[in-house]
Amino acid sequence: MKKNIAIFASGSGSNAERLTNYFTDSEIVNVSLFLTNNKNAGVIERGHRLGIPTVIFNKTAFAKSNKIVDLLTNQQIDYVVLAGFLWLVPENLLKAFPDKIINIHPALLPKYGGKGMWGHHVHEAVVENKEAETGITIHLVNEEYDKGEVLFQAKCEVLPTDSAADVAAKIHELEYKHFPKVVEKVILG
């Protein structure tokens, strides 16, 4: 029986689309739903184009009620995947999906993690601090930003001439290559 996943994204949704395409012909995983907290997020257009129902929600629905948990339960969601989602996951969602919420972070945690460390903020900090390498971390989600159990990391070199945009491009390559496979591995157990 296929496992249903819901993908949360706050931005363009490139990783959400990558995951959806990866699992299109899967006998194991079905991407059932996109959710976003940003009414202008690119993931909304991607959801329409891909035929994935997309739900837009606000902070109250997410953090101060059971609306999102109820929605996910009613949709028979088995796993939640955060793909560029910027809000801290509330306790009710963590309890409803214990060890079944997976996040991707654009750095080698524990470096460059925590509140406010996302996207270009991470890449700018990596360049500013003259790091020789960076990468991605895929981890389980707990009650703190970027502190859950690390499932996978992949590294890339940061050249002295790299800009934050150069680093971002390298990170996207790692995300696209590894994120779907790691999600699949987690679901397979």
C-alpha atoms as a PDB file:
ATOM      1  CA  MET A   1       0.000   0.000   0.000  1.00  0.00           C
ATOM      2  CA  LYS A   2       1.359   3.415  -0.983  1.00  0.00           C
ATOM      3  CA  LYS A   3       2.435   5.880   1.676  1.00  0.00           C
ATOM      4  CA  ASN A   4       0.981   9.357   1.272  1.00  0.00           C
ATOM      5  CA  ILE A   5       3.199  12.358   1.833  1.00  0.00           C
ATOM      6  CA  ALA A   6       2.329  16.016   2.290  1.00  0.00           C
ATOM      7  CA  ILE A   7       4.958  18.576   1.352  1.00  0.00           C
ATOM      8  CA  PHE A   8       5.156  21.931   3.155  1.00  0.00           C
ATOM      9  CA  ALA A   9       6.941  24.774   1.356  1.00  0.00           C
ATOM     10  CA  SER A  10       7.156  28.532   1.883  1.00  0.00           C
ATOM     11  CA  GLY A  11       8.846  29.514  -1.374  1.00  0.00           C
ATOM     12  CA  SER A  12       9.327  28.506  -4.985  1.00  0.00           C
ATOM     13  CA  GLY A  13       8.634  24.824  -4.437  1.00  0.00           C
ATOM     14  CA  SER A  14      11.465  23.496  -6.577  1.00  0.00           C
ATOM     15  CA  ASN A  15      12.156  20.679  -4.118  1.00  0.00           C
ATOM     16  CA  ALA A  16       8.421  19.925  -3.859  1.00  0.00           C
ATOM     17  CA  GLU A  17       8.289  19.570  -7.635  1.00  0.00           C
ATOM     18  CA  ARG A  18      11.429  17.436  -7.665  1.00  0.00           C
ATOM     19  CA  LEU A  19       9.934  15.097  -5.057  1.00  0.00           C
ATOM     20  CA  THR A  20       6.650  14.901  -6.953  1.00  0.00           C
ATOM     21  CA  ASN A  21       8.386  14.030 -10.214  1.00  0.00           C
ATOM     22  CA  TYR A  22      10.610  11.474  -8.477  1.00  0.00           C
ATOM     23  CA  PHE A  23       7.592   9.666  -7.003  1.00  0.00           C
ATOM     24  CA  THR A  24       5.276   9.976 -10.050  1.00  0.00           C
ATOM     25  CA  ASP A  25       5.528   6.291 -10.982  1.00  0.00           C
ATOM     26  CA  SER A  26       6.382   5.009  -7.512  1.00  0.00           C
ATOM     27  CA  GLU A  27       4.597   1.981  -6.128  1.00  0.00           C
ATOM     28  CA  ILE A  28       5.645   3.050  -2.632  1.00  0.00           C
ATOM     29  CA  VAL A  29       5.047   6.802  -2.290  1.00  0.00           C
ATOM     30  CA  ASN A  30       2.306   9.164  -3.403  1.00  0.00           C
ATOM     31  CA  VAL A  31       2.656  12.944  -3.108  1.00  0.00           C
ATOM     32  CA  SER A  32      -0.881  13.803  -1.995  1.00  0.00           C
ATOM     33  CA  LEU A  33      -0.792  17.420  -0.930  1.00  0.00           C
ATOM     34  CA  PHE A  34       1.214  20.640  -0.942  1.00  0.00           C
ATOM     35  CA  LEU A  35       0.779  23.103   1.922  1.00  0.00           C
ATOM     36  CA  THR A  36       2.112  26.625   2.192  1.00  0.00           C
ATOM     37  CA  ASN A  37       2.019  29.528   4.612  1.00  0.00           C
ATOM     38  CA  ASN A  38       2.724  32.023   1.822  1.00  0.00           C
ATOM     39  CA  LYS A  39      -0.136  33.071  -0.476  1.00  0.00           C
ATOM     40  CA  ASN A  40       2.460  34.236  -3.057  1.00  0.00           C
ATOM     41  CA  ALA A  41       4.637  31.107  -2.962  1.00  0.00           C
ATOM     42  CA  GLY A  42       5.731  29.572  -6.242  1.00  0.00           C
ATOM     43  CA  VAL A  43       4.769  26.156  -4.885  1.00  0.00           C
ATOM     44  CA  ILE A  44       1.109  27.091  -5.477  1.00  0.00           C
ATOM     45  CA  GLU A  45       1.595  27.405  -9.239  1.00  0.00           C
ATOM     46  CA  ARG A  46       3.673  24.229  -9.248  1.00  0.00           C
ATOM     47  CA  GLY A  47       0.902  22.392  -7.412  1.00  0.00           C
ATOM     48  CA  HIS A  48      -1.682  23.508  -9.983  1.00  0.00           C
ATOM     49  CA  ARG A  49       0.586  22.510 -12.869  1.00  0.00           C
ATOM     50  CA  LEU A  50       1.403  19.122 -11.325  1.00  0.00           C
ATOM     51  CA  GLY A  51      -2.193  18.386 -10.298  1.00  0.00           C
ATOM     52  CA  ILE A  52      -1.339  18.328  -6.597  1.00  0.00           C
ATOM     53  CA  PRO A  53      -3.997  19.855  -4.310  1.00  0.00           C
ATOM     54  CA  THR A  54      -2.471  22.856  -2.555  1.00  0.00           C
ATOM     55  CA  VAL A  55      -3.614  24.359   0.721  1.00  0.00           C
ATOM     56  CA  ILE A  56      -2.697  27.859   1.919  1.00  0.00           C
ATOM     57  CA  PHE A  57      -2.890  28.389   5.671  1.00  0.00           C
ATOM     58  CA  ASN A  58      -2.151  31.056   8.257  1.00  0.00           C
ATOM     59  CA  LYS A  59      -0.288  31.014  11.569  1.00  0.00           C
ATOM     60  CA  THR A  60      -3.470  30.500  13.619  1.00  0.00           C
ATOM     61  CA  ALA A  61      -4.552  27.444  11.618  1.00  0.00           C
ATOM     62  CA  PHE A  62      -1.042  26.019  11.824  1.00  0.00           C
ATOM     63  CA  ALA A  63       0.107  26.722  15.362  1.00  0.00           C
ATOM     64  CA  LYS A  64      -2.980  27.507  17.429  1.00  0.00           C
ATOM     65  CA  SER A  65      -5.507  24.914  16.262  1.00  0.00           C
ATOM     66  CA  ASN A  66      -5.761  21.351  15.010  1.00  0.00           C
ATOM     67  CA  LYS A  67      -6.892  22.380  11.516  1.00  0.00           C
ATOM     68  CA  ILE A  68      -3.698  21.255   9.790  1.00  0.00           C
ATOM     69  CA  VAL A  69      -3.382  18.046  11.800  1.00  0.00           C
ATOM     70  CA  ASP A  70      -7.044  17.254  11.055  1.00  0.00           C
ATOM     71  CA  LEU A  71      -6.520  17.973   7.353  1.00  0.00           C
ATOM     72  CA  LEU A  72      -3.486  15.687   7.190  1.00  0.00           C
ATOM     73  CA  THR A  73      -5.306  12.947   9.093  1.00  0.00           C
ATOM     74  CA  ASN A  74      -8.388  13.222   6.849  1.00  0.00           C
ATOM     75  CA  GLN A  75      -6.129  13.002   3.784  1.00  0.00           C
ATOM     76  CA  GLN A  76      -4.523   9.839   5.251  1.00  0.00           C
ATOM     77  CA  ILE A  77      -1.056  11.380   5.198  1.00  0.00           C
ATOM     78  CA  ASP A  78       1.682   9.055   6.469  1.00  0.00           C
ATOM     79  CA  TYR A  79       4.710  11.378   6.263  1.00  0.00           C
ATOM     80  CA  VAL A  80       5.272  15.126   6.228  1.00  0.00           C
ATOM     81  CA  VAL A  81       8.157  16.575   4.245  1.00  0.00           C
ATOM     82  CA  LEU A  82       9.383  20.124   4.784  1.00  0.00           C
ATOM     83  CA  ALA A  83      10.946  21.475   1.602  1.00  0.00           C
ATOM     84  CA  GLY A  84      11.868  25.072   2.258  1.00  0.00           C
ATOM     85  CA  PHE A  85       9.284  25.584   4.972  1.00  0.00           C
ATOM     86  CA  LEU A  86      10.211  28.347   7.393  1.00  0.00           C
ATOM     87  CA  TRP A  87       7.944  28.017  10.440  1.00  0.00           C
ATOM     88  CA  LEU A  88       8.661  26.021  13.576  1.00  0.00           C
ATOM     89  CA  VAL A  89       6.516  22.890  13.631  1.00  0.00           C
ATOM     90  CA  PRO A  90       4.007  22.979  16.514  1.00  0.00           C
ATOM     91  CA  GLU A  91       3.746  20.281  19.167  1.00  0.00           C
ATOM     92  CA  ASN A  92       0.388  18.930  17.955  1.00  0.00           C
ATOM     93  CA  LEU A  93       1.839  18.181  14.512  1.00  0.00           C
ATOM     94  CA  LEU A  94       4.964  16.598  16.019  1.00  0.00           C
ATOM     95  CA  LYS A  95       2.776  14.343  18.187  1.00  0.00           C
ATOM     96  CA  ALA A  96       0.541  13.382  15.261  1.00  0.00           C
ATOM     97  CA  PHE A  97       3.575  12.388  13.133  1.00  0.00           C
ATOM     98  CA  PRO A  98       6.281  11.166  15.511  1.00  0.00           C
ATOM     99  CA  ASP A  99       9.561  10.619  13.624  1.00  0.00           C
ATOM    100  CA  LYS A 100       7.636  11.084  10.374  1.00  0.00           C
ATOM    101  CA  ILE A 101       8.433  14.729   9.614  1.00  0.00           C
ATOM    102  CA  ILE A 102      11.510  15.163   7.424  1.00  0.00           C
ATOM    103  CA  ASN A 103      13.255  18.482   6.723  1.00  0.00           C
ATOM    104  CA  ILE A 104      16.039  19.557   4.398  1.00  0.00           C
ATOM    105  CA  HIS A 105      18.433  22.306   5.479  1.00  0.00           C
ATOM    106  CA  PRO A 106      20.928  24.071   3.158  1.00  0.00           C
ATOM    107  CA  ALA A 107      23.982  23.687   5.425  1.00  0.00           C
ATOM    108  CA  LEU A 108      25.932  21.065   7.318  1.00  0.00           C
ATOM    109  CA  LEU A 109      24.151  21.160  10.661  1.00  0.00           C
ATOM    110  CA  PRO A 110      24.827  22.020  13.402  1.00  0.00           C
ATOM    111  CA  LYS A 111      26.540  24.893  11.538  1.00  0.00           C
ATOM    112  CA  TYR A 112      24.267  27.617  10.170  1.00  0.00           C
ATOM    113  CA  GLY A 113      21.060  26.269  11.654  1.00  0.00           C
ATOM    114  CA  GLY A 114      18.316  27.784  13.763  1.00  0.00           C
ATOM    115  CA  LYS A 115      15.739  30.522  13.462  1.00  0.00           C
ATOM    116  CA  GLY A 116      16.451  32.914  10.611  1.00  0.00           C
ATOM    117  CA  MET A 117      18.994  30.614   8.964  1.00  0.00           C
ATOM    118  CA  TRP A 118      17.397  29.706   5.662  1.00  0.00           C
ATOM    119  CA  GLY A 119      18.134  30.126   1.969  1.00  0.00           C
ATOM    120  CA  HIS A 120      20.323  33.062   1.030  1.00  0.00           C
ATOM    121  CA  HIS A 121      20.950  33.901   4.716  1.00  0.00           C
ATOM    122  CA  VAL A 122      22.796  30.595   5.084  1.00  0.00           C
ATOM    123  CA  HIS A 123      24.755  30.966   1.845  1.00  0.00           C
ATOM    124  CA  GLU A 124      25.792  34.539   2.667  1.00  0.00           C
ATOM    125  CA  ALA A 125      27.018  33.425   6.106  1.00  0.00           C
ATOM    126  CA  VAL A 126      28.989  30.541   4.579  1.00  0.00           C
ATOM    127  CA  VAL A 127      30.739  32.906   2.134  1.00  0.00           C
ATOM    128  CA  GLU A 128      31.275  35.634   4.753  1.00  0.00           C
ATOM    129  CA  ASN A 129      32.903  33.131   7.115  1.00  0.00           C
ATOM    130  CA  LYS A 130      35.145  31.808   4.320  1.00  0.00           C
ATOM    131  CA  GLU A 131      34.045  28.207   4.803  1.00  0.00           C
ATOM    132  CA  ALA A 132      35.932  25.670   2.684  1.00  0.00           C
ATOM    133  CA  GLU A 133      32.867  23.438   2.417  1.00  0.00           C
ATOM    134  CA  THR A 134      29.143  23.444   2.972  1.00  0.00           C
ATOM    135  CA  GLY A 135      26.331  21.116   2.057  1.00  0.00           C
ATOM    136  CA  ILE A 136      22.890  19.855   2.936  1.00  0.00           C
ATOM    137  CA  THR A 137      21.432  18.129   5.960  1.00  0.00           C
ATOM    138  CA  ILE A 138      18.294  16.023   5.862  1.00  0.00           C
ATOM    139  CA  HIS A 139      16.920  15.437   9.338  1.00  0.00           C
ATOM    140  CA  LEU A 140      13.904  14.478  11.366  1.00  0.00           C
ATOM    141  CA  VAL A 141      12.021  17.406  12.856  1.00  0.00           C
ATOM    142  CA  ASN A 142      11.633  18.008  16.581  1.00  0.00           C
ATOM    143  CA  GLU A 143      10.505  20.967  18.690  1.00  0.00           C
ATOM    144  CA  GLU A 144      13.608  23.078  17.907  1.00  0.00           C
ATOM    145  CA  TYR A 145      14.745  24.565  14.602  1.00  0.00           C
ATOM    146  CA  ASP A 146      17.221  22.238  12.867  1.00  0.00           C
ATOM    147  CA  LYS A 147      17.947  20.096  15.944  1.00  0.00           C
ATOM    148  CA  GLY A 148      16.306  16.781  14.984  1.00  0.00           C
ATOM    149  CA  GLU A 149      18.166  13.552  14.303  1.00  0.00           C
ATOM    150  CA  VAL A 150      20.412  13.854  11.245  1.00  0.00           C
ATOM    151  CA  LEU A 151      19.524  11.276   8.596  1.00  0.00           C
ATOM    152  CA  PHE A 152      21.912  12.315   5.824  1.00  0.00           C
ATOM    153  CA  GLN A 153      24.479  14.937   4.885  1.00  0.00           C
ATOM    154  CA  ALA A 154      26.207  15.691   1.591  1.00  0.00           C
ATOM    155  CA  LYS A 155      29.062  18.166   1.121  1.00  0.00           C
ATOM    156  CA  CYS A 156      30.357  20.452  -1.584  1.00  0.00           C
ATOM    157  CA  GLU A 157      33.427  22.642  -1.859  1.00  0.00           C
ATOM    158  CA  VAL A 158      33.200  26.397  -1.423  1.00  0.00           C
ATOM    159  CA  LEU A 159      35.795  28.160  -3.545  1.00  0.00           C
ATOM    160  CA  PRO A 160      37.336  31.454  -2.367  1.00  0.00           C
ATOM    161  CA  THR A 161      35.786  33.078  -5.462  1.00  0.00           C
ATOM    162  CA  ASP A 162      32.259  31.714  -4.839  1.00  0.00           C
ATOM    163  CA  SER A 163      29.449  34.173  -4.228  1.00  0.00           C
ATOM    164  CA  ALA A 164      26.368  33.319  -2.175  1.00  0.00           C
ATOM    165  CA  ALA A 165      24.568  32.663  -5.486  1.00  0.00           C
ATOM    166  CA  ASP A 166      27.310  30.214  -6.519  1.00  0.00           C
ATOM    167  CA  VAL A 167      26.936  28.402  -3.206  1.00  0.00           C
ATOM    168  CA  ALA A 168      23.144  28.332  -3.630  1.00  0.00           C
ATOM    169  CA  ALA A 169      23.511  26.680  -7.038  1.00  0.00           C
ATOM    170  CA  LYS A 170      25.771  23.983  -5.581  1.00  0.00           C
ATOM    171  CA  ILE A 171      23.319  23.394  -2.712  1.00  0.00           C
ATOM    172  CA  HIS A 172      20.373  23.058  -5.110  1.00  0.00           C
ATOM    173  CA  GLU A 173      22.266  20.391  -7.043  1.00  0.00           C
ATOM    174  CA  LEU A 174      22.813  18.424  -3.826  1.00  0.00           C
ATOM    175  CA  GLU A 175      19.171  18.856  -2.789  1.00  0.00           C
ATOM    176  CA  TYR A 176      17.806  17.680  -6.121  1.00  0.00           C
ATOM    177  CA  LYS A 177      20.167  14.700  -6.227  1.00  0.00           C
ATOM    178  CA  HIS A 178      19.719  13.422  -2.676  1.00  0.00           C
ATOM    179  CA  PHE A 179      16.452  14.622  -1.110  1.00  0.00           C
ATOM    180  CA  PRO A 180      14.020  12.318  -2.976  1.00  0.00           C
ATOM    181  CA  LYS A 181      16.226   9.263  -2.398  1.00  0.00           C
ATOM    182  CA  VAL A 182      16.587   9.940   1.322  1.00  0.00           C
ATOM    183  CA  VAL A 183      12.834  10.513   1.717  1.00  0.00           C
ATOM    184  CA  GLU A 184      12.199   7.224  -0.080  1.00  0.00           C
ATOM    185  CA  LYS A 185      14.716   5.423   2.135  1.00  0.00           C
ATOM    186  CA  VAL A 186      13.071   6.771   5.300  1.00  0.00           C
ATOM    187  CA  ILE A 187       9.640   5.671   4.130  1.00  0.00           C
ATOM    188  CA  LEU A 188      10.919   2.222   3.202  1.00  0.00           C
ATOM    189  CA  GLY A 189      12.302   1.942   6.747  1.00  0.00           C
END
